PDB file of all heavy atoms in Angstrom:
ATOM      1  N   HIS A   1       0.819  -1.213   0.000  1.00  0.00           N
ATOM      2  CA  HIS A   1       0.000   0.000   0.000  1.00  0.00           C
ATOM      3  C   HIS A   1       0.856   1.269   0.000  1.00  0.00           C
ATOM      4  O   HIS A   1       1.726   1.454   0.859  1.00  0.00           O
ATOM      5  CB  HIS A   1      -0.924   0.010   1.221  1.00  0.00           C
ATOM      6  CG  HIS A   1      -1.878  -1.144   1.238  1.00  0.00           C
ATOM      7  ND1 HIS A   1      -2.884  -1.286   0.314  1.00  0.00           N
ATOM      8  CD2 HIS A   1      -1.965  -2.223   2.053  1.00  0.00           C
ATOM      9  CE1 HIS A   1      -3.558  -2.399   0.563  1.00  0.00           C
ATOM     10  NE2 HIS A   1      -3.009  -2.985   1.609  1.00  0.00           N
ATOM     11  N   GLY A   2       0.605   2.165  -0.954  1.00  0.00           N
ATOM     12  CA  GLY A   2       1.223   3.481  -0.986  1.00  0.00           C
ATOM     13  C   GLY A   2       2.680   3.485  -1.394  1.00  0.00           C
ATOM     14  O   GLY A   2       3.360   2.455  -1.386  1.00  0.00           O
ATOM     15  N   PRO A   3       3.196   4.640  -1.753  1.00  0.00           N
ATOM     16  CA  PRO A   3       4.586   4.764  -2.212  1.00  0.00           C
ATOM     17  C   PRO A   3       5.609   4.271  -1.188  1.00  0.00           C
ATOM     18  O   PRO A   3       6.591   3.623  -1.559  1.00  0.00           O
ATOM     19  CB  PRO A   3       4.741   6.260  -2.479  1.00  0.00           C
ATOM     20  CG  PRO A   3       3.348   6.745  -2.749  1.00  0.00           C
ATOM     21  CD  PRO A   3       2.464   5.923  -1.874  1.00  0.00           C
ATOM     22  N   VAL A   4       5.388   4.579   0.085  1.00  0.00           N
ATOM     23  CA  VAL A   4       6.364   4.178   1.119  1.00  0.00           C
ATOM     24  C   VAL A   4       6.402   2.657   1.240  1.00  0.00           C
ATOM     25  O   VAL A   4       7.482   2.043   1.261  1.00  0.00           O
ATOM     26  CB  VAL A   4       6.017   4.829   2.471  1.00  0.00           C
ATOM     27  CG1 VAL A   4       6.954   4.307   3.563  1.00  0.00           C
ATOM     28  CG2 VAL A   4       6.116   6.341   2.383  1.00  0.00           C
ATOM     29  N   GLY A   5       5.224   2.039   1.327  1.00  0.00           N
ATOM     30  CA  GLY A   5       5.172   0.585   1.447  1.00  0.00           C
ATOM     31  C   GLY A   5       5.765  -0.105   0.231  1.00  0.00           C
ATOM     32  O   GLY A   5       6.440  -1.132   0.353  1.00  0.00           O
ATOM     33  N   ARG A   6       5.542   0.461  -0.947  1.00  0.00           N
ATOM     34  CA  ARG A   6       6.066  -0.135  -2.173  1.00  0.00           C
ATOM     35  C   ARG A   6       7.585  -0.003  -2.257  1.00  0.00           C
ATOM     36  O   ARG A   6       8.276  -0.921  -2.685  1.00  0.00           O
ATOM     37  CB  ARG A   6       5.375   0.497  -3.380  1.00  0.00           C
ATOM     38  CG  ARG A   6       3.930   0.038  -3.498  1.00  0.00           C
ATOM     39  CD  ARG A   6       3.069   0.882  -4.400  1.00  0.00           C
ATOM     40  NE  ARG A   6       1.699   0.361  -4.416  1.00  0.00           N
ATOM     41  CZ  ARG A   6       0.654   1.010  -4.876  1.00  0.00           C
ATOM     42  NH1 ARG A   6       0.805   2.241  -5.366  1.00  0.00           N
ATOM     43  NH2 ARG A   6      -0.554   0.463  -4.836  1.00  0.00           N
ATOM     44  N   GLU A   7       8.087   1.147  -1.831  1.00  0.00           N
ATOM     45  CA  GLU A   7       9.545   1.307  -1.845  1.00  0.00           C
ATOM     46  C   GLU A   7      10.205   0.331  -0.865  1.00  0.00           C
ATOM     47  O   GLU A   7      11.220  -0.286  -1.187  1.00  0.00           O
ATOM     48  CB  GLU A   7       9.937   2.742  -1.495  1.00  0.00           C
ATOM     49  CG  GLU A   7      11.448   2.956  -1.541  1.00  0.00           C
ATOM     50  CD  GLU A   7      11.853   4.379  -1.272  1.00  0.00           C
ATOM     51  OE1 GLU A   7      11.009   5.294  -1.403  1.00  0.00           O
ATOM     52  OE2 GLU A   7      13.036   4.591  -0.924  1.00  0.00           O
ATOM     53  N   LYS A   8       9.622   0.181   0.315  1.00  0.00           N
ATOM     54  CA  LYS A   8      10.176  -0.762   1.291  1.00  0.00           C
ATOM     55  C   LYS A   8      10.174  -2.188   0.741  1.00  0.00           C
ATOM     56  O   LYS A   8      11.154  -2.930   0.890  1.00  0.00           O
ATOM     57  CB  LYS A   8       9.376  -0.709   2.591  1.00  0.00           C
ATOM     58  CG  LYS A   8       9.620   0.527   3.428  1.00  0.00           C
ATOM     59  CD  LYS A   8       8.794   0.475   4.716  1.00  0.00           C
ATOM     60  CE  LYS A   8       9.064   1.696   5.586  1.00  0.00           C
ATOM     61  NZ  LYS A   8       8.248   1.659   6.834  1.00  0.00           N
ATOM     62  N   ALA A   9       9.069  -2.571   0.110  1.00  0.00           N
ATOM     63  CA  ALA A   9       8.980  -3.925  -0.448  1.00  0.00           C
ATOM     64  C   ALA A   9      10.015  -4.128  -1.548  1.00  0.00           C
ATOM     65  O   ALA A   9      10.673  -5.179  -1.615  1.00  0.00           O
ATOM     66  CB  ALA A   9       7.572  -4.176  -0.988  1.00  0.00           C
ATOM     67  N   LEU A  10      10.183  -3.141  -2.415  1.00  0.00           N
ATOM     68  CA  LEU A  10      11.167  -3.253  -3.494  1.00  0.00           C
ATOM     69  C   LEU A  10      12.590  -3.328  -2.936  1.00  0.00           C
ATOM     70  O   LEU A  10      13.431  -4.076  -3.463  1.00  0.00           O
ATOM     71  CB  LEU A  10      11.026  -2.076  -4.454  1.00  0.00           C
ATOM     72  CG  LEU A  10       9.742  -2.060  -5.310  1.00  0.00           C
ATOM     73  CD1 LEU A  10       9.610  -0.741  -6.051  1.00  0.00           C
ATOM     74  CD2 LEU A  10       9.734  -3.233  -6.294  1.00  0.00           C
ATOM     75  N   ARG A  11      12.863  -2.573  -1.890  1.00  0.00           N
ATOM     76  CA  ARG A  11      14.200  -2.649  -1.273  1.00  0.00           C
ATOM     77  C   ARG A  11      14.447  -4.040  -0.681  1.00  0.00           C
ATOM     78  O   ARG A  11      15.557  -4.577  -0.805  1.00  0.00           O
ATOM     79  CB  ARG A  11      14.338  -1.577  -0.188  1.00  0.00           C
ATOM     80  CG  ARG A  11      14.516  -0.165  -0.718  1.00  0.00           C
ATOM     81  CD  ARG A  11      14.788   0.824   0.401  1.00  0.00           C
ATOM     82  NE  ARG A  11      14.939   2.183  -0.093  1.00  0.00           N
ATOM     83  CZ  ARG A  11      16.067   2.670  -0.617  1.00  0.00           C
ATOM     84  NH1 ARG A  11      17.155   1.891  -0.691  1.00  0.00           N
ATOM     85  NH2 ARG A  11      16.126   3.924  -1.055  1.00  0.00           N
ATOM     86  N   ARG A  12      13.426  -4.606  -0.033  1.00  0.00           N
ATOM     87  CA  ARG A  12      13.581  -5.959   0.522  1.00  0.00           C
ATOM     88  C   ARG A  12      13.902  -6.963  -0.571  1.00  0.00           C
ATOM     89  O   ARG A  12      14.566  -7.974  -0.323  1.00  0.00           O
ATOM     90  CB  ARG A  12      12.304  -6.387   1.251  1.00  0.00           C
ATOM     91  CG  ARG A  12      12.120  -5.738   2.613  1.00  0.00           C
ATOM     92  CD  ARG A  12      11.076  -6.489   3.443  1.00  0.00           C
ATOM     93  NE  ARG A  12       9.782  -6.574   2.783  1.00  0.00           N
ATOM     94  CZ  ARG A  12       8.817  -5.655   2.903  1.00  0.00           C
ATOM     95  NH1 ARG A  12       9.008  -4.579   3.660  1.00  0.00           N
ATOM     96  NH2 ARG A  12       7.666  -5.819   2.270  1.00  0.00           N
ATOM     97  N   LEU A  13      13.424  -6.693  -1.777  1.00  0.00           N
ATOM     98  CA  LEU A  13      13.652  -7.602  -2.902  1.00  0.00           C
ATOM     99  C   LEU A  13      14.923  -7.249  -3.674  1.00  0.00           C
ATOM    100  O   LEU A  13      15.164  -7.792  -4.755  1.00  0.00           O
ATOM    101  CB  LEU A  13      12.442  -7.577  -3.840  1.00  0.00           C
ATOM    102  CG  LEU A  13      11.162  -8.209  -3.252  1.00  0.00           C
ATOM    103  CD1 LEU A  13       9.942  -7.839  -4.080  1.00  0.00           C
ATOM    104  CD2 LEU A  13      11.311  -9.734  -3.174  1.00  0.00           C
ATOM    105  N   GLY A  14      15.724  -6.324  -3.136  1.00  0.00           N
ATOM    106  CA  GLY A  14      17.033  -6.044  -3.722  1.00  0.00           C
ATOM    107  C   GLY A  14      17.072  -4.932  -4.731  1.00  0.00           C
ATOM    108  O   GLY A  14      18.102  -4.727  -5.392  1.00  0.00           O
ATOM    109  N   MET A  15      15.982  -4.176  -4.901  1.00  0.00           N
ATOM    110  CA  MET A  15      15.965  -3.088  -5.874  1.00  0.00           C
ATOM    111  C   MET A  15      16.645  -1.843  -5.282  1.00  0.00           C
ATOM    112  O   MET A  15      16.476  -1.526  -4.101  1.00  0.00           O
ATOM    113  CB  MET A  15      14.529  -2.744  -6.279  1.00  0.00           C
ATOM    114  CG  MET A  15      13.750  -3.886  -6.911  1.00  0.00           C
ATOM    115  SD  MET A  15      14.461  -4.480  -8.461  1.00  0.00           S
ATOM    116  CE  MET A  15      15.337  -5.956  -7.889  1.00  0.00           C
ATOM    117  N   ARG A  16      17.390  -1.133  -6.108  1.00  0.00           N
ATOM    118  CA  ARG A  16      18.108   0.062  -5.675  1.00  0.00           C
ATOM    119  C   ARG A  16      18.056   1.126  -6.778  1.00  0.00           C
ATOM    120  O   ARG A  16      17.733   0.845  -7.937  1.00  0.00           O
ATOM    121  CB  ARG A  16      19.587  -0.271  -5.363  1.00  0.00           C
ATOM    122  CG  ARG A  16      19.790  -1.262  -4.222  1.00  0.00           C
ATOM    123  CD  ARG A  16      19.393  -0.651  -2.875  1.00  0.00           C
ATOM    124  NE  ARG A  16      19.687  -1.549  -1.769  1.00  0.00           N
ATOM    125  CZ  ARG A  16      18.833  -2.454  -1.295  1.00  0.00           C
ATOM    126  NH1 ARG A  16      17.634  -2.578  -1.854  1.00  0.00           N
ATOM    127  NH2 ARG A  16      19.181  -3.225  -0.284  1.00  0.00           N
ATOM    128  N   GLY A  17      18.386   2.364  -6.390  1.00  0.00           N
ATOM    129  CA  GLY A  17      18.547   3.435  -7.358  1.00  0.00           C
ATOM    130  C   GLY A  17      17.322   3.716  -8.191  1.00  0.00           C
ATOM    131  O   GLY A  17      16.202   3.834  -7.687  1.00  0.00           O
ATOM    132  N   ARG A  18      17.519   3.818  -9.512  1.00  0.00           N
ATOM    133  CA  ARG A  18      16.448   4.200 -10.423  1.00  0.00           C
ATOM    134  C   ARG A  18      15.288   3.220 -10.407  1.00  0.00           C
ATOM    135  O   ARG A  18      14.151   3.599 -10.726  1.00  0.00           O
ATOM    136  CB  ARG A  18      17.006   4.322 -11.845  1.00  0.00           C
ATOM    137  CG  ARG A  18      18.012   5.461 -12.013  1.00  0.00           C
ATOM    138  CD  ARG A  18      18.672   5.411 -13.378  1.00  0.00           C
ATOM    139  NE  ARG A  18      17.688   5.431 -14.461  1.00  0.00           N
ATOM    140  CZ  ARG A  18      17.983   5.231 -15.736  1.00  0.00           C
ATOM    141  NH1 ARG A  18      19.240   4.989 -16.089  1.00  0.00           N
ATOM    142  NH2 ARG A  18      17.044   5.280 -16.654  1.00  0.00           N
ATOM    143  N   MET A  19      15.564   1.981 -10.035  1.00  0.00           N
ATOM    144  CA  MET A  19      14.492   0.974 -10.053  1.00  0.00           C
ATOM    145  C   MET A  19      13.464   1.225  -8.957  1.00  0.00           C
ATOM    146  O   MET A  19      12.373   0.647  -8.983  1.00  0.00           O
ATOM    147  CB  MET A  19      15.075  -0.431  -9.931  1.00  0.00           C
ATOM    148  CG  MET A  19      16.042  -0.781 -11.054  1.00  0.00           C
ATOM    149  SD  MET A  19      16.463  -2.517 -11.133  1.00  0.00           S
ATOM    150  CE  MET A  19      15.100  -3.164 -12.082  1.00  0.00           C
ATOM    151  N   LEU A  20      13.787   2.102  -8.002  1.00  0.00           N
ATOM    152  CA  LEU A  20      12.837   2.407  -6.936  1.00  0.00           C
ATOM    153  C   LEU A  20      11.840   3.491  -7.341  1.00  0.00           C
ATOM    154  O   LEU A  20      10.835   3.694  -6.655  1.00  0.00           O
ATOM    155  CB  LEU A  20      13.581   2.853  -5.670  1.00  0.00           C
ATOM    156  CG  LEU A  20      14.478   1.800  -5.012  1.00  0.00           C
ATOM    157  CD1 LEU A  20      15.277   2.417  -3.874  1.00  0.00           C
ATOM    158  CD2 LEU A  20      13.642   0.629  -4.485  1.00  0.00           C
ATOM    159  N   LYS A  21      12.124   4.200  -8.450  1.00  0.00           N
ATOM    160  CA  LYS A  21      11.247   5.292  -8.864  1.00  0.00           C
ATOM    161  C   LYS A  21       9.834   4.809  -9.197  1.00  0.00           C
ATOM    162  O   LYS A  21       8.878   5.583  -9.107  1.00  0.00           O
ATOM    163  CB  LYS A  21      11.837   6.003 -10.077  1.00  0.00           C
ATOM    164  CG  LYS A  21      13.083   6.823  -9.751  1.00  0.00           C
ATOM    165  CD  LYS A  21      13.565   7.578 -10.975  1.00  0.00           C
ATOM    166  CE  LYS A  21      14.793   8.449 -10.640  1.00  0.00           C
ATOM    167  NZ  LYS A  21      15.261   9.182 -11.823  1.00  0.00           N
ATOM    168  N   VAL A  22       9.716   3.532  -9.560  1.00  0.00           N
ATOM    169  CA  VAL A  22       8.396   3.016  -9.920  1.00  0.00           C
ATOM    170  C   VAL A  22       7.439   3.070  -8.735  1.00  0.00           C
ATOM    171  O   VAL A  22       6.216   3.116  -8.906  1.00  0.00           O
ATOM    172  CB  VAL A  22       8.522   1.563 -10.462  1.00  0.00           C
ATOM    173  CG1 VAL A  22       8.852   0.593  -9.345  1.00  0.00           C
ATOM    174  CG2 VAL A  22       7.255   1.132 -11.175  1.00  0.00           C
ATOM    175  N   ALA A  23       7.991   3.116  -7.508  1.00  0.00           N
ATOM    176  CA  ALA A  23       7.141   3.178  -6.312  1.00  0.00           C
ATOM    177  C   ALA A  23       6.291   4.448  -6.291  1.00  0.00           C
ATOM    178  O   ALA A  23       5.238   4.490  -5.644  1.00  0.00           O
ATOM    179  CB  ALA A  23       7.995   3.093  -5.048  1.00  0.00           C
ATOM    180  N   LEU A  24       6.736   5.488  -6.974  1.00  0.00           N
ATOM    181  CA  LEU A  24       6.017   6.763  -6.995  1.00  0.00           C
ATOM    182  C   LEU A  24       5.024   6.864  -8.146  1.00  0.00           C
ATOM    183  O   LEU A  24       4.284   7.843  -8.252  1.00  0.00           O
ATOM    184  CB  LEU A  24       7.018   7.918  -7.098  1.00  0.00           C
ATOM    185  CG  LEU A  24       8.075   7.992  -5.983  1.00  0.00           C
ATOM    186  CD1 LEU A  24       9.084   9.077  -6.298  1.00  0.00           C
ATOM    187  CD2 LEU A  24       7.407   8.235  -4.639  1.00  0.00           C
TER     188      LEU A  24
END
């Protein structure tokens, strides 16, 4: 849920840098 939750989930899955922009 939401940009913050999505960024946290993506980080847990190893995503970094530009790949985190999709959370927004």
